[in-house]
Amino acid sequence: MTQQAHDPAINGAAGKSFTVGALAQRLGAAVEGPESLVVSGLNALDLAGPTDISFIGSDSYAARWVESKALAAAVTQDLIVPGHDANRRALLRVPNADLALAELLTLFAPVGSPVRPGIHPDATVDPTANIDESAAIGARVTIAAGCRIGARTVIEPGVQIGSDVVIGDDCTIRAGVVIRERCVLGHRVSIHPNSVIGSDGFGYRPDGRGGMQKLPHIGIVEIHDDVEIGSCTTIDRAKFGKTVIGAHTKIDNLVQIGHNVRIGRCCVLASQTGLAGTVVVEDYCQLGAKSGVADHRRLGAGARLAAMTGVHKDIEAGAEVVGAPATDRRLFWQIQAALRKLPELVRTVARLEQQERRSGEDSDPA
């Protein structure tokens, strides 16, 4: 039996139920099917139940719609979805299903406990720190002298903030993060648990006496607005000047960013990427998991690195590279295709050499 909505508006957060019509209005979608259907969950096509909504962003997903139990799906508007029964289920046509999914995830996210402004009594805050009254400072947080914390920023338990750090408005600093002295964070920056911002860069030189001389790092890290940094990522302070992370850049877990690196706007760095000192990453670059970039190299705007790419020279703007050393994507796959033919080529050469030796023996006058 088709579920009916009691109210065409989106229901309260406690129930987490939504009419298809209300979701369509939220997503700006055209509906193919009953708008009165009630959706109470969000899941992948293969796992969705009879009250769930899913998403369809490719032909391969569209082909799986018939077998899915989902009640509704957000679908990229130009895709053909075979076997859709508009009497029983609903498709919400949107310009981009992936972007619609982001909105759906926000709607269906569990409602957490409200964050109360103020400083927890177990926090240690230097009297010279300037903390906006709307900020929330958790238990066992340490905030050193001269810091400034902006409006509505949330500092979770166990965070350590060094002297003269500046953190803007609406930031979220998760448990266990360390932000070293004098680093600067813009507005709406999110840092996930146990990341370290502003640790010393990796700089040593032989001291001529059989030991190693550490090079002091006296610069800072500057993180611009709307940056998100995953768990257990480290961003080293500059030797002098700034290590810079540009606005809207997203950094995954377990990423290492060396001293004096400069990353532009809207870049994406996947897990276990490593950037050596003084690397420049221009705007809109994408770095796949386990990519590595040697020191003093530049990635031009819009460059894309496949997973496990090793960069030893500058990469042109818009280039797509694969492998170690980094190679143009099309050339790389041409080489791989040729390598698959190598065993047969070796056998052919060996056979031809054997035939040549036999021919030489047959023609020997002795």
Protein backbone atom coordinates (compact mmCIF):
# COMPACT_ATOMS: atom_id res chain seq x y z
CA MET A 1 0.00 0.00 0.00
CA THR A 2 1.29 3.44 -0.92
CA GLN A 3 2.18 5.58 2.09
CA GLN A 4 0.42 8.91 2.27
CA ALA A 5 1.81 12.09 3.79
CA HIS A 6 -0.11 13.90 6.50
CA ASP A 7 1.55 17.19 5.65
CA PRO A 8 3.05 18.30 2.33
CA ALA A 9 5.84 20.05 4.18
CA ILE A 10 9.00 18.33 5.32
CA ASN A 11 8.34 16.66 8.63
CA GLY A 12 10.29 17.39 11.79
CA ALA A 13 13.83 16.17 12.34
CA ALA A 14 12.80 13.56 14.91
CA GLY A 15 10.77 11.55 12.38
CA LYS A 16 13.13 12.17 9.46
CA SER A 17 10.32 11.60 6.99
CA PHE A 18 9.80 13.66 3.84
CA THR A 19 7.20 13.73 1.11
CA VAL A 20 8.48 13.33 -2.42
CA GLY A 21 6.84 16.66 -3.24
CA ALA A 22 8.67 18.41 -0.42
CA LEU A 23 11.97 16.85 -1.45
CA ALA A 24 11.38 17.88 -5.05
CA GLN A 25 10.81 21.46 -3.93
CA ARG A 26 14.01 21.37 -1.85
CA LEU A 27 16.02 19.93 -4.74
CA GLY A 28 14.35 21.96 -7.51
CA ALA A 29 13.36 18.66 -9.13
CA ALA A 30 10.68 17.61 -11.60
CA VAL A 31 8.81 14.52 -10.36
CA GLU A 32 7.91 11.43 -12.38
CA GLY A 33 5.54 9.66 -10.00
CA PRO A 34 3.32 10.38 -6.98
CA GLU A 35 4.39 13.41 -4.96
CA SER A 36 2.49 12.12 -1.92
CA LEU A 37 4.87 9.22 -1.30
CA VAL A 38 6.66 9.43 2.04
CA VAL A 39 10.39 8.78 2.23
CA SER A 40 12.00 7.97 5.59
CA GLY A 41 15.55 6.92 4.69
CA LEU A 42 18.45 7.31 2.27
CA ASN A 43 20.57 4.46 0.91
CA ALA A 44 22.39 3.04 -2.11
CA LEU A 45 20.24 1.45 -4.82
CA ASP A 46 21.29 -2.09 -3.91
CA LEU A 47 20.65 -1.59 -0.19
CA ALA A 48 17.61 0.69 -0.22
CA GLY A 49 14.36 -0.47 1.35
CA PRO A 50 10.75 0.29 0.38
CA THR A 51 10.69 3.64 2.21
CA ASP A 52 14.14 4.85 1.10
CA ILE A 53 15.28 7.33 -1.52
CA SER A 54 18.46 6.70 -3.53
CA PHE A 55 20.26 8.43 -6.40
CA ILE A 56 21.03 7.62 -10.05
CA GLY A 57 23.92 9.42 -11.69
CA SER A 58 24.92 7.12 -14.55
CA ASP A 59 23.53 4.65 -17.08
CA SER A 60 24.83 1.71 -15.04
CA TYR A 61 22.86 2.88 -12.00
CA ALA A 62 19.80 3.57 -14.13
CA ALA A 63 19.82 -0.05 -15.33
CA ARG A 64 19.64 -1.21 -11.70
CA TRP A 65 16.54 0.83 -10.86
CA VAL A 66 14.11 -1.96 -11.82
CA GLU A 67 15.63 -4.37 -9.30
CA SER A 68 16.00 -1.80 -6.51
CA LYS A 69 13.46 -1.69 -3.69
CA ALA A 70 13.86 2.06 -3.29
CA LEU A 71 10.67 4.12 -3.22
CA ALA A 72 12.24 7.11 -4.98
CA ALA A 73 15.49 8.28 -6.52
CA ALA A 74 17.13 11.56 -7.46
CA VAL A 75 18.25 11.11 -11.07
CA THR A 76 20.34 13.27 -13.40
CA GLN A 77 17.77 14.80 -15.71
CA ASP A 78 18.93 13.46 -19.08
CA LEU A 79 19.36 9.83 -18.05
CA ILE A 80 16.95 7.20 -19.36
CA VAL A 81 15.72 4.95 -16.54
CA PRO A 82 14.36 1.71 -18.01
CA GLY A 83 11.28 0.12 -16.46
CA HIS A 84 10.24 3.00 -14.21
CA ASP A 85 6.69 2.59 -12.89
CA ALA A 86 5.43 6.13 -12.29
CA ASN A 87 2.27 4.80 -10.60
CA ARG A 88 4.23 3.12 -7.81
CA ARG A 89 7.55 4.93 -7.44
CA ALA A 90 9.00 8.37 -8.05
CA LEU A 91 11.98 9.78 -9.89
CA LEU A 92 13.14 13.29 -9.01
CA ARG A 93 14.81 14.78 -12.08
CA VAL A 94 17.68 17.11 -11.09
CA PRO A 95 20.54 18.74 -13.01
CA ASN A 96 23.14 16.67 -11.13
CA ALA A 97 22.33 13.64 -8.97
CA ASP A 98 25.62 13.85 -7.06
CA LEU A 99 24.87 17.41 -5.95
CA ALA A 100 21.32 16.37 -5.07
CA LEU A 101 22.78 13.56 -2.97
CA ALA A 102 24.75 16.11 -0.94
CA GLU A 103 21.50 17.92 -0.16
CA LEU A 104 19.74 14.66 0.74
CA LEU A 105 22.57 13.65 3.05
CA THR A 106 22.19 16.98 4.83
CA LEU A 107 18.45 16.44 5.23
CA PHE A 108 18.78 12.90 6.55
CA ALA A 109 21.76 13.54 8.82
CA PRO A 110 21.09 12.62 12.45
CA VAL A 111 20.34 15.55 14.70
CA GLY A 112 23.17 15.88 17.21
CA SER A 113 23.03 17.40 20.63
CA PRO A 114 22.87 21.19 20.51
CA VAL A 115 26.20 22.90 21.09
CA ARG A 116 26.07 25.29 24.01
CA PRO A 117 28.22 28.41 23.82
CA GLY A 118 30.71 28.94 26.59
CA ILE A 119 33.91 27.56 28.05
CA HIS A 120 33.87 24.16 29.76
CA PRO A 121 35.12 24.34 33.34
CA ASP A 122 37.78 21.71 32.56
CA ALA A 123 39.26 23.82 29.76
CA THR A 124 42.45 25.81 30.29
CA VAL A 125 42.26 29.24 28.67
CA ASP A 126 44.89 31.93 29.06
CA PRO A 127 43.39 35.19 30.33
CA THR A 128 44.77 37.08 27.34
CA ALA A 129 42.89 34.91 24.84
CA ASN A 130 39.97 36.65 23.09
CA ILE A 131 37.09 34.19 22.68
CA ASP A 132 33.75 35.24 21.20
CA GLU A 133 30.92 34.67 23.66
CA SER A 134 29.05 32.52 21.10
CA ALA A 135 31.98 30.07 20.70
CA ALA A 136 31.92 26.67 22.42
CA ILE A 137 35.10 25.44 24.12
CA GLY A 138 35.07 21.78 25.21
CA ALA A 139 36.60 19.91 28.13
CA ARG A 140 40.40 19.60 28.40
CA VAL A 141 40.95 22.18 25.67
CA THR A 142 44.08 24.28 26.10
CA ILE A 143 44.16 27.76 24.57
CA ALA A 144 47.41 29.67 25.00
CA ALA A 145 48.10 33.39 25.29
CA GLY A 146 47.02 35.87 22.64
CA CYS A 147 44.63 33.58 20.75
CA ARG A 148 41.48 34.82 19.04
CA ILE A 149 38.49 32.51 18.52
CA GLY A 150 35.61 33.73 16.33
CA ALA A 151 31.84 33.65 16.61
CA ARG A 152 30.03 30.28 16.78
CA THR A 153 33.27 28.32 16.46
CA VAL A 154 33.24 24.92 18.17
CA ILE A 155 36.41 23.56 19.78
CA GLU A 156 35.88 19.93 20.79
CA PRO A 157 37.49 18.22 23.82
CA GLY A 158 41.22 17.71 23.98
CA VAL A 159 42.22 20.31 21.39
CA GLN A 160 45.55 22.09 21.96
CA ILE A 161 45.91 25.62 20.57
CA GLY A 162 49.27 27.40 20.79
CA SER A 163 49.92 31.07 21.42
CA ASP A 164 48.67 33.82 19.10
CA VAL A 165 46.58 31.47 16.93
CA VAL A 166 43.69 33.11 15.06
CA ILE A 167 40.55 31.05 14.30
CA GLY A 168 37.68 32.69 12.40
CA ASP A 169 33.91 32.38 12.66
CA ASP A 170 31.85 29.16 12.34
CA CYS A 171 34.85 26.83 12.46
CA THR A 172 34.74 23.28 13.81
CA ILE A 173 37.90 21.90 15.40
CA ARG A 174 37.39 18.23 16.28
CA ALA A 175 38.77 16.32 19.25
CA GLY A 176 42.52 15.92 19.59
CA VAL A 177 43.54 18.50 16.98
CA VAL A 178 46.76 20.43 17.63
CA ILE A 179 47.18 23.93 16.18
CA ARG A 180 50.63 25.33 16.85
CA GLU A 181 51.55 28.91 17.62
CA ARG A 182 50.73 31.85 15.32
CA CYS A 183 48.81 29.82 12.71
CA VAL A 184 45.78 31.50 11.11
CA LEU A 185 42.46 29.90 10.17
CA GLY A 186 39.76 31.70 8.19
CA HIS A 187 36.00 31.29 8.50
CA ARG A 188 34.08 27.98 8.28
CA VAL A 189 37.21 25.86 8.48
CA SER A 190 36.62 22.25 9.58
CA ILE A 191 39.45 20.09 10.95
CA HIS A 192 38.76 16.47 11.83
CA PRO A 193 40.21 14.57 14.82
CA ASN A 194 43.92 14.32 15.59
CA SER A 195 45.24 16.47 12.77
CA VAL A 196 48.23 18.74 13.42
CA ILE A 197 48.52 22.23 11.97
CA GLY A 198 51.85 24.05 12.19
CA SER A 199 54.29 21.36 13.27
CA ASP A 200 57.92 21.86 12.26
CA GLY A 201 58.90 21.07 8.72
CA PHE A 202 61.31 18.22 7.99
CA GLY A 203 64.58 20.09 7.57
CA TYR A 204 68.05 18.83 8.52
CA ARG A 205 71.56 19.26 7.18
CA PRO A 206 74.82 17.43 7.97
CA ASP A 207 76.64 19.51 10.57
CA GLY A 208 80.16 18.53 9.46
CA ARG A 209 80.82 16.83 12.80
CA GLY A 210 79.12 13.53 12.11
CA GLY A 211 75.68 14.70 13.17
CA MET A 212 72.63 16.48 11.75
CA GLN A 213 71.71 20.13 12.23
CA LYS A 214 67.98 20.86 12.55
CA LEU A 215 66.78 23.84 10.52
CA PRO A 216 64.38 25.96 12.60
CA HIS A 217 60.99 26.67 11.03
CA ILE A 218 59.81 30.11 12.05
CA GLY A 219 56.93 30.66 9.61
CA ILE A 220 53.23 29.81 9.99
CA VAL A 221 50.34 27.94 8.36
CA GLU A 222 47.54 30.05 6.87
CA ILE A 223 44.26 28.28 6.06
CA HIS A 224 41.68 30.23 4.07
CA ASP A 225 37.87 30.13 4.28
CA ASP A 226 35.76 26.97 3.80
CA VAL A 227 38.66 24.51 3.93
CA GLU A 228 38.02 21.01 5.29
CA ILE A 229 40.87 18.85 6.59
CA GLY A 230 40.48 15.14 7.37
CA SER A 231 41.68 13.14 10.35
CA CYS A 232 45.36 12.59 11.13
CA THR A 233 46.56 15.01 8.47
CA THR A 234 49.67 17.13 9.09
CA ILE A 235 50.41 20.55 7.62
CA ASP A 236 53.90 21.82 8.40
CA ARG A 237 54.68 25.43 9.16
CA ALA A 238 56.87 27.34 6.74
CA LYS A 239 60.60 27.61 7.20
CA PHE A 240 59.90 31.33 6.85
CA GLY A 241 56.78 33.02 5.49
CA LYS A 242 53.64 30.88 5.10
CA THR A 243 52.39 27.44 4.19
CA VAL A 244 49.04 28.31 2.53
CA ILE A 245 45.86 26.32 1.95
CA GLY A 246 43.47 28.12 -0.42
CA ALA A 247 39.75 28.67 0.02
CA HIS A 248 37.35 25.74 -0.47
CA THR A 249 40.15 23.20 -0.73
CA LYS A 250 39.31 19.75 0.68
CA ILE A 251 42.01 17.54 2.19
CA ASP A 252 41.43 13.89 3.06
CA ASN A 253 42.69 11.85 6.02
CA LEU A 254 46.39 10.98 6.41
CA VAL A 255 47.76 13.65 4.09
CA GLN A 256 51.23 15.18 4.60
CA ILE A 257 51.82 18.76 3.45
CA GLY A 258 55.37 20.02 3.79
CA HIS A 259 56.78 23.42 4.70
CA ASN A 260 56.11 26.41 2.45
CA VAL A 261 53.66 24.51 0.27
CA ARG A 262 51.08 26.75 -1.41
CA ILE A 263 47.77 25.16 -2.41
CA GLY A 264 45.22 27.16 -4.39
CA ARG A 265 41.42 27.31 -4.37
CA CYS A 266 39.07 24.35 -4.69
CA CYS A 267 41.75 21.67 -4.77
CA VAL A 268 41.08 18.08 -3.68
CA LEU A 269 43.79 15.93 -2.06
CA ALA A 270 42.92 12.28 -1.41
CA SER A 271 44.22 10.10 1.41
CA GLN A 272 47.96 9.52 1.89
CA THR A 273 48.99 12.18 -0.59
CA GLY A 274 52.37 13.70 0.26
CA LEU A 275 53.69 17.10 -0.82
CA ALA A 276 57.34 17.90 -0.17
CA GLY A 277 58.54 21.35 0.77
CA THR A 278 57.83 24.42 -1.39
CA VAL A 279 55.46 22.63 -3.78
CA VAL A 280 52.93 24.91 -5.51
CA VAL A 281 49.51 23.48 -6.36
CA GLU A 282 47.47 25.93 -8.42
CA ASP A 283 43.66 26.24 -8.33
CA TYR A 284 41.28 23.34 -9.02
CA CYS A 285 43.86 20.55 -8.96
CA GLN A 286 42.88 16.98 -8.04
CA LEU A 287 45.43 14.66 -6.42
CA GLY A 288 44.55 10.97 -6.15
CA ALA A 289 45.31 8.77 -3.16
CA LYS A 290 49.00 8.13 -2.40
CA SER A 291 50.18 10.76 -4.88
CA GLY A 292 53.62 12.13 -4.16
CA VAL A 293 55.12 15.42 -5.34
CA ALA A 294 58.84 16.18 -5.07
CA ASP A 295 60.07 19.44 -3.58
CA HIS A 296 59.97 22.70 -5.53
CA ARG A 297 57.57 21.32 -8.16
CA ARG A 298 54.50 23.14 -9.54
CA LEU A 299 51.16 21.67 -10.56
CA GLY A 300 49.38 23.95 -13.03
CA ALA A 301 45.74 24.92 -12.56
CA GLY A 302 43.31 22.07 -13.08
CA ALA A 303 45.98 19.36 -13.19
CA ARG A 304 44.79 15.87 -12.23
CA LEU A 305 46.96 13.17 -10.68
CA ALA A 306 45.76 9.57 -10.66
CA ALA A 307 46.22 7.50 -7.51
CA MET A 308 49.85 6.63 -6.68
CA THR A 309 51.28 9.15 -9.16
CA GLY A 310 54.86 10.25 -8.52
CA VAL A 311 55.68 13.78 -9.69
CA HIS A 312 59.33 14.67 -10.25
CA LYS A 313 58.90 17.63 -12.60
CA ASP A 314 56.41 20.46 -13.13
CA ILE A 315 52.98 19.50 -14.48
CA GLU A 316 51.25 21.72 -17.02
CA ALA A 317 47.85 23.28 -16.37
CA GLY A 318 45.00 20.91 -17.18
CA ALA A 319 47.26 17.88 -17.60
CA GLU A 320 46.11 14.42 -16.54
CA VAL A 321 49.00 12.24 -15.41
CA VAL A 322 49.41 8.67 -14.20
CA GLY A 323 52.21 6.53 -12.79
CA ALA A 324 55.67 7.06 -11.38
CA PRO A 325 57.30 8.98 -12.91
CA ALA A 326 54.18 10.95 -13.84
CA THR A 327 53.25 10.38 -17.49
CA ASP A 328 50.51 11.81 -19.69
CA ARG A 329 47.43 9.65 -19.14
CA ARG A 330 46.97 8.69 -22.80
CA LEU A 331 50.64 7.85 -23.30
CA PHE A 332 50.67 5.85 -20.06
CA TRP A 333 47.86 3.58 -21.20
CA GLN A 334 49.43 3.20 -24.64
CA ILE A 335 52.58 2.01 -22.89
CA GLN A 336 50.58 -0.38 -20.72
CA ALA A 337 48.86 -1.81 -23.79
CA ALA A 338 52.24 -2.30 -25.44
CA LEU A 339 53.67 -3.97 -22.34
CA ARG A 340 50.92 -6.60 -22.45
CA LYS A 341 52.28 -7.60 -25.85
CA LEU A 342 55.85 -7.83 -24.57
CA PRO A 343 55.91 -11.58 -23.63
CA GLU A 344 54.77 -12.58 -27.12
CA LEU A 345 57.24 -10.12 -28.66
CA VAL A 346 60.09 -11.69 -26.64
CA ARG A 347 59.07 -15.15 -27.82
CA THR A 348 58.89 -13.95 -31.44
CA VAL A 349 62.36 -12.37 -31.26
CA ALA A 350 63.80 -15.54 -29.71
CA ARG A 351 62.23 -17.64 -32.46
CA LEU A 352 63.61 -15.36 -35.19
CA GLU A 353 67.09 -15.43 -33.61
CA GLN A 354 66.96 -19.22 -33.49
CA GLN A 355 65.92 -19.38 -37.15
CA GLU A 356 68.76 -17.01 -38.08
CA ARG A 357 71.31 -19.19 -36.25
CA ARG A 358 70.04 -22.30 -38.00
CA SER A 359 70.16 -20.55 -41.36
CA GLY A 360 73.72 -19.51 -40.69
CA GLU A 361 74.70 -23.06 -39.76
CA ASP A 362 73.09 -24.46 -42.93
CA SER A 363 75.00 -22.03 -45.11
CA ASP A 364 78.37 -22.71 -43.41
CA PRO A 365 80.70 -24.24 -46.12
CA ALA A 366 82.44 -26.27 -43.45
